Amino acid sequence: MSFRREKFVPRGGPDGGNGGKGGDVVLEADPGMNTLYHLRFRKLYRAQRGQHGKGKGMDGRSGEDLTIRVPVGTEIFDHTTGKKIADLIKPGQRVIVARGGRGGRGNAAFATSTNRAPRHAEEGEKGEEKELRLELKLLAHVGIIGLPNAGKSTLISRISAARPKIADYPFTTLTPNLGVVEVKGETFVVADVPGLIEGAHRGAGLGHRFLRHVERTKVLLHLVDPLADDPVENYRIIRRELEHYSCEVASKPEIVAVNKSDLLSRTIQEKIKKKFHQAGINNIRFISAATGSGIKPLLHTLLNHVTHQQPVNSDQ
């Protein structure tokens, strides 16, 4: 509330300005990010408040919006109600998750012909406060699945520029790795999905955290370690986890690739192939992520399926 006070201007009248609007909190999909890790250690985000109105009819400045960048594929939920607010699936897509409050009106806004000197002003509104839950479902065309040490990280480092941590112990990979593969001048995105073991759909290992990343893939590349005691049973373990997690995920097209073929003789390869055939699994091929053997035809098959939706065929 303010009145004009100048020499030789008696009864100058009300000149209180309006308050500025509070800033909004905005989430924006950034294609250069692939994890939510940067949000882990900060719990409270607050946009700038609007400034107070001033005398001489000066309105307060509106607060600046706060933009929080998240990876493409982030789902935003209201943690209190569980309702999904938005799904950021396009680069640059933005959503306002908490709106700033409206600025209050100064006393100049209340002047009328009958009330020329209003002695009251309006308080501004409070901005929205929300508790959010963010979940990331990576946007990849191909999801690489398999038990730990099947060679997923080695394969993605072979076929793309991704450089994940690689070591000979389970759960080397603690976050999904994305890689862009180029074949015949066309590109597609692959993601290795870590942490899948028996009981993953119930949260065992790291599976519960990462199974959701295969929901948006078009095709699954199932890597099998032939040096395990029972490669066929290992394959079935992952299949059971997919079926328990989601029928939609389990029904996605799948290519089965037996890795580490450079360590197998021709005779052993035939025995493994026969075991898979006896189990009713015919779409199988042998590759070596370490040497690159069998990788090129595999990538052509993946490209054909991703770009043309062709059926997955072991003869391609």
C-alpha atoms as a PDB file:
ATOM      1  CA  MET A   1       0.000   0.000   0.000  1.00  0.00           C
ATOM      2  CA  SER A   2       1.490   3.324  -1.057  1.00  0.00           C
ATOM      3  CA  PHE A   3       0.376   6.889  -1.795  1.00  0.00           C
ATOM      4  CA  ARG A   4       1.986   9.421  -4.056  1.00  0.00           C
ATOM      5  CA  ARG A   5       4.045  11.878  -2.040  1.00  0.00           C
ATOM      6  CA  GLU A   6       5.505  14.754  -4.036  1.00  0.00           C
ATOM      7  CA  LYS A   7       5.917  18.433  -3.393  1.00  0.00           C
ATOM      8  CA  PHE A   8       3.130  20.547  -4.858  1.00  0.00           C
ATOM      9  CA  VAL A   9       1.035  17.407  -5.533  1.00  0.00           C
ATOM     10  CA  PRO A  10      -1.486  17.284  -2.687  1.00  0.00           C
ATOM     11  CA  ARG A  11      -3.529  14.131  -2.346  1.00  0.00           C
ATOM     12  CA  GLY A  12      -1.570  12.367  -5.068  1.00  0.00           C
ATOM     13  CA  GLY A  13      -3.610   9.237  -4.686  1.00  0.00           C
ATOM     14  CA  PRO A  14      -2.704   5.542  -4.389  1.00  0.00           C
ATOM     15  CA  ASP A  15       0.338   4.321  -6.326  1.00  0.00           C
ATOM     16  CA  GLY A  16       1.084   0.895  -4.842  1.00  0.00           C
ATOM     17  CA  GLY A  17       2.253  -1.522  -7.559  1.00  0.00           C
ATOM     18  CA  ASN A  18       1.335  -5.181  -7.975  1.00  0.00           C
ATOM     19  CA  GLY A  19       3.508  -8.029  -6.749  1.00  0.00           C
ATOM     20  CA  GLY A  20       5.325 -10.246  -9.203  1.00  0.00           C
ATOM     21  CA  LYS A  21       4.333 -13.822  -9.974  1.00  0.00           C
ATOM     22  CA  GLY A  22       6.375 -16.618  -8.438  1.00  0.00           C
ATOM     23  CA  GLY A  23       8.512 -18.756 -10.767  1.00  0.00           C
ATOM     24  CA  ASP A  24       7.390 -22.191 -11.956  1.00  0.00           C
ATOM     25  CA  VAL A  25       9.285 -25.442 -11.420  1.00  0.00           C
ATOM     26  CA  VAL A  26       9.761 -27.048 -14.836  1.00  0.00           C
ATOM     27  CA  LEU A  27      11.139 -30.447 -15.825  1.00  0.00           C
ATOM     28  CA  GLU A  28      12.757 -30.663 -19.264  1.00  0.00           C
ATOM     29  CA  ALA A  29      13.873 -33.753 -21.181  1.00  0.00           C
ATOM     30  CA  ASP A  30      17.568 -33.512 -22.030  1.00  0.00           C
ATOM     31  CA  PRO A  31      18.860 -35.974 -24.675  1.00  0.00           C
ATOM     32  CA  GLY A  32      22.379 -35.569 -23.304  1.00  0.00           C
ATOM     33  CA  MET A  33      21.488 -37.282 -20.014  1.00  0.00           C
ATOM     34  CA  ASN A  34      20.795 -40.955 -19.322  1.00  0.00           C
ATOM     35  CA  THR A  35      20.456 -41.227 -15.526  1.00  0.00           C
ATOM     36  CA  LEU A  36      18.692 -39.467 -12.654  1.00  0.00           C
ATOM     37  CA  TYR A  37      21.811 -39.685 -10.511  1.00  0.00           C
ATOM     38  CA  HIS A  38      22.308 -35.914 -10.394  1.00  0.00           C
ATOM     39  CA  LEU A  39      19.047 -35.574  -8.438  1.00  0.00           C
ATOM     40  CA  ARG A  40      20.039 -38.049  -5.772  1.00  0.00           C
ATOM     41  CA  PHE A  41      21.592 -35.724  -3.221  1.00  0.00           C
ATOM     42  CA  ARG A  42      19.234 -32.765  -3.420  1.00  0.00           C
ATOM     43  CA  LYS A  43      15.686 -33.156  -2.178  1.00  0.00           C
ATOM     44  CA  LEU A  44      14.225 -29.640  -2.299  1.00  0.00           C
ATOM     45  CA  TYR A  45      13.873 -27.516  -5.425  1.00  0.00           C
ATOM     46  CA  ARG A  46      12.351 -24.054  -5.192  1.00  0.00           C
ATOM     47  CA  ALA A  47      11.766 -21.529  -7.952  1.00  0.00           C
ATOM     48  CA  GLN A  48      12.447 -17.849  -7.321  1.00  0.00           C
ATOM     49  CA  ARG A  49       9.751 -15.889  -5.542  1.00  0.00           C
ATOM     50  CA  GLY A  50       8.198 -12.805  -7.082  1.00  0.00           C
ATOM     51  CA  GLN A  51       9.240  -9.402  -5.768  1.00  0.00           C
ATOM     52  CA  HIS A  52       6.965  -7.089  -3.811  1.00  0.00           C
ATOM     53  CA  GLY A  53       5.207  -4.238  -5.541  1.00  0.00           C
ATOM     54  CA  LYS A  54       6.592  -0.773  -4.816  1.00  0.00           C
ATOM     55  CA  GLY A  55       5.445   2.815  -4.700  1.00  0.00           C
ATOM     56  CA  LYS A  56       5.183   5.073  -7.724  1.00  0.00           C
ATOM     57  CA  GLY A  57       3.131   2.394  -9.464  1.00  0.00           C
ATOM     58  CA  MET A  58       6.083   0.017  -9.855  1.00  0.00           C
ATOM     59  CA  ASP A  59       5.119  -3.624 -10.166  1.00  0.00           C
ATOM     60  CA  GLY A  60       7.377  -6.248  -8.639  1.00  0.00           C
ATOM     61  CA  ARG A  61       9.451  -8.446 -10.930  1.00  0.00           C
ATOM     62  CA  SER A  62       8.234 -11.982 -11.501  1.00  0.00           C
ATOM     63  CA  GLY A  63      10.413 -14.796 -10.189  1.00  0.00           C
ATOM     64  CA  GLU A  64      12.531 -16.817 -12.589  1.00  0.00           C
ATOM     65  CA  ASP A  65      11.411 -20.343 -13.449  1.00  0.00           C
ATOM     66  CA  LEU A  66      13.524 -23.227 -12.156  1.00  0.00           C
ATOM     67  CA  THR A  67      14.283 -25.749 -14.903  1.00  0.00           C
ATOM     68  CA  ILE A  68      15.349 -29.237 -13.834  1.00  0.00           C
ATOM     69  CA  ARG A  69      16.856 -31.325 -16.619  1.00  0.00           C
ATOM     70  CA  VAL A  70      16.111 -35.043 -16.707  1.00  0.00           C
ATOM     71  CA  PRO A  71      16.793 -37.810 -19.245  1.00  0.00           C
ATOM     72  CA  VAL A  72      14.440 -38.507 -22.116  1.00  0.00           C
ATOM     73  CA  GLY A  73      12.124 -41.303 -20.976  1.00  0.00           C
ATOM     74  CA  THR A  74      11.490 -39.950 -17.470  1.00  0.00           C
ATOM     75  CA  GLU A  75       8.051 -40.558 -15.988  1.00  0.00           C
ATOM     76  CA  ILE A  76       6.818 -38.065 -13.375  1.00  0.00           C
ATOM     77  CA  PHE A  77       4.414 -39.130 -10.627  1.00  0.00           C
ATOM     78  CA  ASP A  78       2.731 -37.267  -7.787  1.00  0.00           C
ATOM     79  CA  HIS A  79       4.161 -39.171  -4.836  1.00  0.00           C
ATOM     80  CA  THR A  80       1.142 -38.446  -2.640  1.00  0.00           C
ATOM     81  CA  THR A  81      -1.598 -39.607  -5.013  1.00  0.00           C
ATOM     82  CA  GLY A  82       0.437 -41.895  -7.268  1.00  0.00           C
ATOM     83  CA  LYS A  83      -1.009 -40.161 -10.343  1.00  0.00           C
ATOM     84  CA  LYS A  84       1.217 -39.865 -13.387  1.00  0.00           C
ATOM     85  CA  ILE A  85       1.795 -36.199 -14.235  1.00  0.00           C
ATOM     86  CA  ALA A  86       3.791 -36.557 -17.439  1.00  0.00           C
ATOM     87  CA  ASP A  87       5.959 -38.853 -19.528  1.00  0.00           C
ATOM     88  CA  LEU A  88       8.874 -37.017 -21.162  1.00  0.00           C
ATOM     89  CA  ILE A  89       9.562 -39.067 -24.278  1.00  0.00           C
ATOM     90  CA  LYS A  90      10.750 -36.339 -26.668  1.00  0.00           C
ATOM     91  CA  PRO A  91      13.975 -34.303 -26.460  1.00  0.00           C
ATOM     92  CA  GLY A  92      13.239 -30.784 -25.249  1.00  0.00           C
ATOM     93  CA  GLN A  93       9.779 -31.707 -23.971  1.00  0.00           C
ATOM     94  CA  ARG A  94       8.861 -29.590 -20.926  1.00  0.00           C
ATOM     95  CA  VAL A  95       6.231 -29.836 -18.234  1.00  0.00           C
ATOM     96  CA  ILE A  96       5.384 -27.470 -15.373  1.00  0.00           C
ATOM     97  CA  VAL A  97       5.217 -29.594 -12.229  1.00  0.00           C
ATOM     98  CA  ALA A  98       4.642 -26.773  -9.701  1.00  0.00           C
ATOM     99  CA  ARG A  99       3.246 -23.368 -10.616  1.00  0.00           C
ATOM    100  CA  GLY A 100       4.325 -20.179  -8.925  1.00  0.00           C
ATOM    101  CA  GLY A 101       1.742 -18.176  -7.012  1.00  0.00           C
ATOM    102  CA  ARG A 102       0.013 -15.139  -8.509  1.00  0.00           C
ATOM    103  CA  GLY A 103       1.277 -11.769  -7.292  1.00  0.00           C
ATOM    104  CA  GLY A 104      -1.035  -9.686  -5.111  1.00  0.00           C
ATOM    105  CA  ARG A 105      -2.491  -6.372  -6.299  1.00  0.00           C
ATOM    106  CA  GLY A 106      -1.317  -3.047  -4.892  1.00  0.00           C
ATOM    107  CA  ASN A 107      -3.764  -0.489  -3.533  1.00  0.00           C
ATOM    108  CA  ALA A 108      -3.738   1.438  -6.834  1.00  0.00           C
ATOM    109  CA  ALA A 109      -5.678  -1.458  -8.366  1.00  0.00           C
ATOM    110  CA  PHE A 110      -8.552  -0.903  -5.909  1.00  0.00           C
ATOM    111  CA  ALA A 111      -9.090   2.813  -6.565  1.00  0.00           C
ATOM    112  CA  THR A 112     -12.600   3.667  -7.759  1.00  0.00           C
ATOM    113  CA  SER A 113     -14.658   6.803  -8.219  1.00  0.00           C
ATOM    114  CA  THR A 114     -16.112   6.338  -4.772  1.00  0.00           C
ATOM    115  CA  ASN A 115     -12.989   5.040  -3.046  1.00  0.00           C
ATOM    116  CA  ARG A 116     -10.139   7.178  -4.266  1.00  0.00           C
ATOM    117  CA  ALA A 117      -7.747   6.342  -1.437  1.00  0.00           C
ATOM    118  CA  PRO A 118      -7.994   2.602  -0.750  1.00  0.00           C
ATOM    119  CA  ARG A 119      -5.927   1.627   2.273  1.00  0.00           C
ATOM    120  CA  HIS A 120      -5.603  -2.034   1.583  1.00  0.00           C
ATOM    121  CA  ALA A 121      -3.618  -4.238  -0.765  1.00  0.00           C
ATOM    122  CA  GLU A 122      -3.973  -7.874  -1.773  1.00  0.00           C
ATOM    123  CA  GLU A 123      -1.568 -10.554  -0.608  1.00  0.00           C
ATOM    124  CA  GLY A 124      -0.041 -12.787  -3.222  1.00  0.00           C
ATOM    125  CA  GLU A 125      -0.959 -16.454  -3.544  1.00  0.00           C
ATOM    126  CA  LYS A 126       1.356 -19.186  -2.395  1.00  0.00           C
ATOM    127  CA  GLY A 127       2.966 -21.295  -5.063  1.00  0.00           C
ATOM    128  CA  GLU A 128       2.293 -25.002  -5.444  1.00  0.00           C
ATOM    129  CA  GLU A 129       4.224 -27.532  -3.396  1.00  0.00           C
ATOM    130  CA  LYS A 130       4.457 -31.108  -4.615  1.00  0.00           C
ATOM    131  CA  GLU A 131       6.351 -34.225  -3.719  1.00  0.00           C
ATOM    132  CA  LEU A 132       7.318 -36.019  -6.895  1.00  0.00           C
ATOM    133  CA  ARG A 133       8.641 -39.441  -7.788  1.00  0.00           C
ATOM    134  CA  LEU A 134      10.686 -39.768 -10.964  1.00  0.00           C
ATOM    135  CA  GLU A 135      11.178 -43.056 -12.775  1.00  0.00           C
ATOM    136  CA  LEU A 136      13.386 -43.520 -15.799  1.00  0.00           C
ATOM    137  CA  LYS A 137      12.514 -45.916 -18.581  1.00  0.00           C
ATOM    138  CA  LEU A 138      15.247 -45.693 -21.152  1.00  0.00           C
ATOM    139  CA  LEU A 139      14.224 -45.166 -24.754  1.00  0.00           C
ATOM    140  CA  ALA A 140      16.149 -47.798 -26.672  1.00  0.00           C
ATOM    141  CA  HIS A 141      15.306 -49.834 -29.739  1.00  0.00           C
ATOM    142  CA  VAL A 142      17.148 -52.954 -28.543  1.00  0.00           C
ATOM    143  CA  GLY A 143      17.401 -54.220 -24.967  1.00  0.00           C
ATOM    144  CA  ILE A 144      20.339 -56.531 -24.199  1.00  0.00           C
ATOM    145  CA  ILE A 145      19.383 -58.957 -21.433  1.00  0.00           C
ATOM    146  CA  GLY A 146      21.029 -61.935 -19.777  1.00  0.00           C
ATOM    147  CA  LEU A 147      22.481 -63.159 -16.508  1.00  0.00           C
ATOM    148  CA  PRO A 148      25.503 -61.368 -15.011  1.00  0.00           C
ATOM    149  CA  ASN A 149      28.791 -62.038 -16.837  1.00  0.00           C
ATOM    150  CA  ALA A 150      27.024 -63.025 -20.061  1.00  0.00           C
ATOM    151  CA  GLY A 151      29.015 -60.297 -21.841  1.00  0.00           C
ATOM    152  CA  LYS A 152      26.436 -57.523 -22.231  1.00  0.00           C
ATOM    153  CA  SER A 153      28.851 -54.694 -21.453  1.00  0.00           C
ATOM    154  CA  THR A 154      31.532 -56.164 -23.705  1.00  0.00           C
ATOM    155  CA  LEU A 155      29.047 -56.402 -26.559  1.00  0.00           C
ATOM    156  CA  ILE A 156      27.783 -52.833 -26.228  1.00  0.00           C
ATOM    157  CA  SER A 157      31.386 -51.568 -26.153  1.00  0.00           C
ATOM    158  CA  ARG A 158      32.083 -53.585 -29.342  1.00  0.00           C
ATOM    159  CA  ILE A 159      29.109 -52.325 -31.367  1.00  0.00           C
ATOM    160  CA  SER A 160      28.977 -48.700 -30.166  1.00  0.00           C
ATOM    161  CA  ALA A 161      31.065 -45.916 -28.677  1.00  0.00           C
ATOM    162  CA  ALA A 162      29.772 -46.661 -25.163  1.00  0.00           C
ATOM    163  CA  ARG A 163      32.540 -47.531 -22.697  1.00  0.00           C
ATOM    164  CA  PRO A 164      30.964 -49.279 -19.712  1.00  0.00           C
ATOM    165  CA  LYS A 165      32.938 -50.737 -16.826  1.00  0.00           C
ATOM    166  CA  ILE A 166      33.877 -54.329 -17.626  1.00  0.00           C
ATOM    167  CA  ALA A 167      35.147 -56.863 -15.090  1.00  0.00           C
ATOM    168  CA  ASP A 168      34.852 -60.579 -14.373  1.00  0.00           C
ATOM    169  CA  TYR A 169      32.434 -60.475 -11.441  1.00  0.00           C
ATOM    170  CA  PRO A 170      28.641 -60.209 -11.134  1.00  0.00           C
ATOM    171  CA  PHE A 171      26.956 -56.801 -11.113  1.00  0.00           C
ATOM    172  CA  THR A 172      29.869 -54.963 -12.686  1.00  0.00           C
ATOM    173  CA  THR A 173      27.247 -52.770 -14.343  1.00  0.00           C
ATOM    174  CA  LEU A 174      25.174 -50.835 -11.811  1.00  0.00           C
ATOM    175  CA  THR A 175      23.482 -48.455 -14.244  1.00  0.00           C
ATOM    176  CA  PRO A 176      22.076 -49.155 -17.724  1.00  0.00           C
ATOM    177  CA  ASN A 177      24.433 -48.286 -20.561  1.00  0.00           C
ATOM    178  CA  LEU A 178      23.167 -46.747 -23.787  1.00  0.00           C
ATOM    179  CA  GLY A 179      24.976 -47.023 -27.088  1.00  0.00           C
ATOM    180  CA  VAL A 180      24.226 -45.811 -30.605  1.00  0.00           C
ATOM    181  CA  VAL A 181      24.889 -48.403 -33.312  1.00  0.00           C
ATOM    182  CA  GLU A 182      25.408 -47.439 -36.944  1.00  0.00           C
ATOM    183  CA  VAL A 183      24.708 -49.984 -39.690  1.00  0.00           C
ATOM    184  CA  LYS A 184      24.370 -49.196 -43.416  1.00  0.00           C
ATOM    185  CA  GLY A 185      24.260 -45.487 -42.613  1.00  0.00           C
ATOM    186  CA  GLU A 186      21.305 -45.942 -40.250  1.00  0.00           C
ATOM    187  CA  THR A 187      21.409 -45.838 -36.481  1.00  0.00           C
ATOM    188  CA  PHE A 188      19.552 -47.402 -33.591  1.00  0.00           C
ATOM    189  CA  VAL A 189      19.965 -47.302 -29.816  1.00  0.00           C
ATOM    190  CA  VAL A 190      20.832 -50.320 -27.682  1.00  0.00           C
ATOM    191  CA  ALA A 191      20.749 -50.592 -23.885  1.00  0.00           C
ATOM    192  CA  ASP A 192      22.260 -53.277 -21.706  1.00  0.00           C
ATOM    193  CA  VAL A 193      20.001 -54.096 -18.774  1.00  0.00           C
ATOM    194  CA  PRO A 194      22.007 -55.064 -15.673  1.00  0.00           C
ATOM    195  CA  GLY A 195      21.053 -56.868 -12.519  1.00  0.00           C
ATOM    196  CA  LEU A 196      18.871 -59.675 -13.866  1.00  0.00           C
ATOM    197  CA  ILE A 197      19.030 -62.850 -11.780  1.00  0.00           C
ATOM    198  CA  GLU A 198      16.481 -65.352 -10.543  1.00  0.00           C
ATOM    199  CA  GLY A 199      13.896 -63.465  -8.507  1.00  0.00           C
ATOM    200  CA  ALA A 200      14.601 -60.163 -10.270  1.00  0.00           C
ATOM    201  CA  HIS A 201      10.890 -59.390 -10.676  1.00  0.00           C
ATOM    202  CA  ARG A 202      10.579 -59.446  -6.865  1.00  0.00           C
ATOM    203  CA  GLY A 203      13.560 -57.148  -6.417  1.00  0.00           C
ATOM    204  CA  ALA A 204      16.369 -59.695  -6.108  1.00  0.00           C
ATOM    205  CA  GLY A 205      19.740 -58.428  -7.255  1.00  0.00           C
ATOM    206  CA  LEU A 206      19.203 -55.211  -9.161  1.00  0.00           C
ATOM    207  CA  GLY A 207      16.447 -56.513 -11.422  1.00  0.00           C
ATOM    208  CA  HIS A 208      13.527 -54.631  -9.912  1.00  0.00           C
ATOM    209  CA  ARG A 209      15.315 -51.351 -10.592  1.00  0.00           C
ATOM    210  CA  PHE A 210      16.132 -52.130 -14.220  1.00  0.00           C
ATOM    211  CA  LEU A 211      13.457 -54.429 -15.650  1.00  0.00           C
ATOM    212  CA  ARG A 212      11.328 -51.383 -16.531  1.00  0.00           C
ATOM    213  CA  HIS A 213      13.990 -50.287 -19.011  1.00  0.00           C
ATOM    214  CA  VAL A 214      13.016 -53.080 -21.433  1.00  0.00           C
ATOM    215  CA  GLU A 215       9.374 -51.965 -21.576  1.00  0.00           C
ATOM    216  CA  ARG A 216       9.981 -49.524 -24.433  1.00  0.00           C
ATOM    217  CA  THR A 217      12.355 -51.608 -26.531  1.00  0.00           C
ATOM    218  CA  LYS A 218      11.254 -53.066 -29.851  1.00  0.00           C
ATOM    219  CA  VAL A 219      13.339 -56.228 -29.691  1.00  0.00           C
ATOM    220  CA  LEU A 220      15.251 -58.118 -26.994  1.00  0.00           C
ATOM    221  CA  LEU A 221      18.750 -59.469 -27.544  1.00  0.00           C
ATOM    222  CA  HIS A 222      19.200 -62.309 -25.064  1.00  0.00           C
ATOM    223  CA  LEU A 223      22.857 -63.116 -24.385  1.00  0.00           C
ATOM    224  CA  VAL A 224      23.714 -66.553 -23.040  1.00  0.00           C
ATOM    225  CA  ASP A 225      27.007 -67.647 -21.475  1.00  0.00           C
ATOM    226  CA  PRO A 226      27.889 -71.078 -22.944  1.00  0.00           C
ATOM    227  CA  LEU A 227      30.495 -71.706 -20.223  1.00  0.00           C
ATOM    228  CA  ALA A 228      27.796 -71.898 -17.536  1.00  0.00           C
ATOM    229  CA  ASP A 229      26.775 -75.287 -16.129  1.00  0.00           C
ATOM    230  CA  ASP A 230      23.419 -75.233 -17.937  1.00  0.00           C
ATOM    231  CA  PRO A 231      23.072 -72.498 -20.610  1.00  0.00           C
ATOM    232  CA  VAL A 232      19.511 -73.549 -21.455  1.00  0.00           C
ATOM    233  CA  GLU A 233      18.380 -73.274 -17.837  1.00  0.00           C
ATOM    234  CA  ASN A 234      20.076 -69.877 -17.554  1.00  0.00           C
ATOM    235  CA  TYR A 235      18.086 -68.769 -20.575  1.00  0.00           C
ATOM    236  CA  ARG A 236      14.891 -70.041 -18.965  1.00  0.00           C
ATOM    237  CA  ILE A 237      15.635 -68.163 -15.715  1.00  0.00           C
ATOM    238  CA  ILE A 238      15.600 -64.835 -17.530  1.00  0.00           C
ATOM    239  CA  ARG A 239      12.513 -65.787 -19.518  1.00  0.00           C
ATOM    240  CA  ARG A 240      10.636 -66.627 -16.334  1.00  0.00           C
ATOM    241  CA  GLU A 241      11.590 -63.290 -14.815  1.00  0.00           C
ATOM    242  CA  LEU A 242      10.280 -61.447 -17.891  1.00  0.00           C
ATOM    243  CA  GLU A 243       7.011 -63.389 -17.783  1.00  0.00           C
ATOM    244  CA  HIS A 244       6.516 -62.709 -14.067  1.00  0.00           C
ATOM    245  CA  TYR A 245       7.297 -59.032 -14.561  1.00  0.00           C
ATOM    246  CA  SER A 246       5.083 -58.306 -17.576  1.00  0.00           C
ATOM    247  CA  CYS A 247       3.343 -60.347 -20.253  1.00  0.00           C
ATOM    248  CA  GLU A 248       3.860 -57.458 -22.670  1.00  0.00           C
ATOM    249  CA  VAL A 249       7.616 -57.487 -22.101  1.00  0.00           C
ATOM    250  CA  ALA A 250       7.797 -61.282 -22.352  1.00  0.00           C
ATOM    251  CA  SER A 251       5.990 -61.208 -25.718  1.00  0.00           C
ATOM    252  CA  LYS A 252       8.486 -58.868 -27.371  1.00  0.00           C
ATOM    253  CA  PRO A 253      10.487 -60.276 -30.315  1.00  0.00           C
ATOM    254  CA  GLU A 254      13.686 -61.903 -29.107  1.00  0.00           C
ATOM    255  CA  ILE A 255      17.005 -62.938 -30.605  1.00  0.00           C
ATOM    256  CA  VAL A 256      19.055 -65.470 -28.657  1.00  0.00           C
ATOM    257  CA  ALA A 257      22.818 -65.072 -29.019  1.00  0.00           C
ATOM    258  CA  VAL A 258      25.296 -67.481 -27.453  1.00  0.00           C
ATOM    259  CA  ASN A 259      28.323 -65.360 -26.610  1.00  0.00           C
ATOM    260  CA  LYS A 260      32.023 -66.330 -26.277  1.00  0.00           C
ATOM    261  CA  SER A 261      31.938 -68.516 -29.373  1.00  0.00           C
ATOM    262  CA  ASP A 262      35.697 -67.990 -29.743  1.00  0.00           C
ATOM    263  CA  LEU A 263      36.148 -70.297 -26.742  1.00  0.00           C
ATOM    264  CA  LEU A 264      33.977 -73.071 -28.216  1.00  0.00           C
ATOM    265  CA  SER A 265      34.899 -75.766 -30.685  1.00  0.00           C
ATOM    266  CA  ARG A 266      32.565 -76.547 -33.553  1.00  0.00           C
ATOM    267  CA  THR A 267      31.510 -79.754 -31.830  1.00  0.00           C
ATOM    268  CA  ILE A 268      30.567 -77.980 -28.609  1.00  0.00           C
ATOM    269  CA  GLN A 269      28.628 -75.351 -30.555  1.00  0.00           C
ATOM    270  CA  GLU A 270      26.580 -78.081 -32.223  1.00  0.00           C
ATOM    271  CA  LYS A 271      25.865 -79.716 -28.858  1.00  0.00           C
ATOM    272  CA  ILE A 272      24.677 -76.416 -27.390  1.00  0.00           C
ATOM    273  CA  LYS A 273      22.567 -75.697 -30.446  1.00  0.00           C
ATOM    274  CA  LYS A 274      20.987 -79.145 -30.186  1.00  0.00           C
ATOM    275  CA  LYS A 275      20.103 -78.580 -26.508  1.00  0.00           C
ATOM    276  CA  PHE A 276      18.375 -75.330 -27.341  1.00  0.00           C
ATOM    277  CA  HIS A 277      16.484 -76.958 -30.203  1.00  0.00           C
ATOM    278  CA  GLN A 278      15.326 -79.749 -27.892  1.00  0.00           C
ATOM    279  CA  ALA A 279      14.015 -77.084 -25.544  1.00  0.00           C
ATOM    280  CA  GLY A 280      12.045 -75.538 -28.410  1.00  0.00           C
ATOM    281  CA  ILE A 281      14.387 -72.554 -28.867  1.00  0.00           C
ATOM    282  CA  ASN A 282      15.319 -72.350 -32.543  1.00  0.00           C
ATOM    283  CA  ASN A 283      16.185 -68.673 -33.012  1.00  0.00           C
ATOM    284  CA  ILE A 284      19.796 -68.982 -31.865  1.00  0.00           C
ATOM    285  CA  ARG A 285      23.131 -67.726 -33.182  1.00  0.00           C
ATOM    286  CA  PHE A 286      26.727 -67.778 -31.998  1.00  0.00           C
ATOM    287  CA  ILE A 287      28.745 -64.589 -31.556  1.00  0.00           C
ATOM    288  CA  SER A 288      31.880 -63.375 -29.827  1.00  0.00           C
ATOM    289  CA  ALA A 289      31.734 -59.904 -28.288  1.00  0.00           C
ATOM    290  CA  ALA A 290      35.475 -60.137 -27.616  1.00  0.00           C
ATOM    291  CA  THR A 291      36.612 -60.886 -31.192  1.00  0.00           C
ATOM    292  CA  GLY A 292      33.650 -59.554 -33.186  1.00  0.00           C
ATOM    293  CA  SER A 293      32.782 -62.912 -34.721  1.00  0.00           C
ATOM    294  CA  GLY A 294      29.139 -63.087 -35.832  1.00  0.00           C
ATOM    295  CA  ILE A 295      28.475 -59.471 -34.810  1.00  0.00           C
ATOM    296  CA  LYS A 296      27.911 -58.011 -38.278  1.00  0.00           C
ATOM    297  CA  PRO A 297      25.046 -60.313 -39.357  1.00  0.00           C
ATOM    298  CA  LEU A 298      23.504 -59.890 -35.905  1.00  0.00           C
ATOM    299  CA  LEU A 299      23.460 -56.104 -36.286  1.00  0.00           C
ATOM    300  CA  HIS A 300      21.875 -56.395 -39.740  1.00  0.00           C
ATOM    301  CA  THR A 301      19.105 -58.525 -38.247  1.00  0.00           C
ATOM    302  CA  LEU A 302      18.531 -56.005 -35.465  1.00  0.00           C
ATOM    303  CA  LEU A 303      18.467 -53.110 -37.932  1.00  0.00           C
ATOM    304  CA  ASN A 304      15.945 -54.870 -40.186  1.00  0.00           C
ATOM    305  CA  HIS A 305      13.655 -55.475 -37.263  1.00  0.00           C
ATOM    306  CA  VAL A 306      13.987 -51.981 -35.782  1.00  0.00           C
ATOM    307  CA  THR A 307      13.488 -50.089 -39.044  1.00  0.00           C
ATOM    308  CA  HIS A 308      11.146 -52.357 -40.967  1.00  0.00           C
ATOM    309  CA  GLN A 309       9.492 -54.390 -38.199  1.00  0.00           C
ATOM    310  CA  GLN A 310      10.530 -57.577 -39.967  1.00  0.00           C
ATOM    311  CA  PRO A 311      10.076 -60.850 -38.097  1.00  0.00           C
ATOM    312  CA  VAL A 312      13.164 -62.002 -36.270  1.00  0.00           C
ATOM    313  CA  ASN A 313      14.607 -64.890 -38.254  1.00  0.00           C
ATOM    314  CA  SER A 314      17.666 -66.954 -37.415  1.00  0.00           C
ATOM    315  CA  ASP A 315      18.562 -67.176 -41.109  1.00  0.00           C
ATOM    316  CA  GLN A 316      18.872 -63.403 -41.622  1.00  0.00           C
END
